[in-house]
């Protein structure tokens, strides 16, 4: 259609006016669908209006899943009850009538939301080739779909640019983003910046960390190529000031600073050694293939072994023999960045699958991604399903088959199980649902699934278009089911508009909210 400028302006004005009128039209009251409790208070759908208070014991029940919660020694079939963003209980035979919504998760695994201890998400600065820039990724695109509700950015920023990181990423993400401050004041900018001994100030870093308790949860030293011990000395000074752990990515292997000396002379109980199965800095015994003396002494001294898979820090030829010797990691993490996400790492579940094929159990890998990393960063309020705990929950199915995995050298291994994230809950709200298990089928009788009851979107205007319009959008009714639905005004497409009262069903030409009758 060829529309002249004036005509386009009139057309645009008409569209805006009609949109405004639709927005003012009264919304029909939602009726409980098959997946909802008929007696439950219904969430309002009006823009900007809060939901009505829920007087029931639970907002949401996850029913019949295999729950793994290491902190509370739970490993079995249980129900999980959630209300007001908190876990209420983990028990048996919770009643669907006591919740706004009950989701059947039988045959699935239920755990606290996963915690990825090693990521890089300080992006958006425009700096090329930098983990304080383009080498990092935005968190929400890589976390929620994998069951991850909390991540730790491992040193992408230092005390000089942390506030910018907080503004750009931490404060704008659905994912809970915590941080380890780089001992380098300007952060992980690569090359000469990370080797700059003059920009490593333990006191300044530690004092700055004290400004953000519970957000800055560690100190990071990484990628140092020199022979000096100063990065590790200063990192420990900062950790002591702020009473938080130090994570070490040991950088280049130098004979002047052997790994065993780092373990025995510098690191403290509770510190974290990441990339522990890389094998290129002295982690593997050359004769036995098992853990080196440095790795063995780490465990004796209470220093944690973190995977930090990354793009170049995991090899089956290192991990498998060390695992066969009985040495398992304390935490499974990704070292997420632009290279690792499309390489051998992919995502945290792909890393966990590698440990399943090397003999670990599903409860073990879930613990290494929940309770263990929470404890390592002294955030024990996370990573568990205790009554009153933050309701971060992940639900997984397990796919069986033959699956290929590869490491940083391109060496392949075949596994027979893959963890698939089905549902992720953050602060009591559903933020990811792979197979729409929270919803009723679109053609079900009295279908009115209301995501406002359990979804993340806090206001009407935040919902995607399809959800915003669902209460007014006509629903096609198969002829065989028409007798199971309330009759609405007929139309030529056999579509039923929302239920109407006799008053509103009568056409009123003077009322702009009255739709035109079918032609």
Foldseek 3Di string as FASTA:
>chain_A
DDADPVRVVVVVVVVVVLVVLQLPDDFDFAADDPFFARPWQGFDQRFPDFGDDTPFPAAEKAAFAQEFFVVVPGGGTWMWGHDQQATADTHHDDDRNRHGGYFYQHQWYKFFQFEFEEEQALEDPCQPPASVYAFHHQPPVFGFQFSHQEYEHEWQAALQCVVVSCVPHCVPDRRHYAYAHEQQHGTGGDDPSLQPLVRRALVVRLVSLQVPPPRHLAHERAQHDDLDPSRLQSRVSSCVSNVHAYEYHPHAADPSCALQCCQPPGHAALHEYELLQLPRRQQADPPQLEGGPSVVVCVVRNYFYENQQFLRRHACSNVLSNVVVVDDGLAYHHHYTDRSCPHQRVHRQSSLQVVVQSPDDPSVHLNNGAQRSCVSSVNNLTRGRPRGRRRWMWMWHKAFDWDWGAGNVRDIDIGGITIGTAWTAGSQATDDGDPPSRADDLAGQSGDRQSCSHHPDRGLVPDPPCNNCVSFDWGAHDPVCPVSYDAADDEPRNTHGHHDDPVLNDDDVVRSSRDDDHD
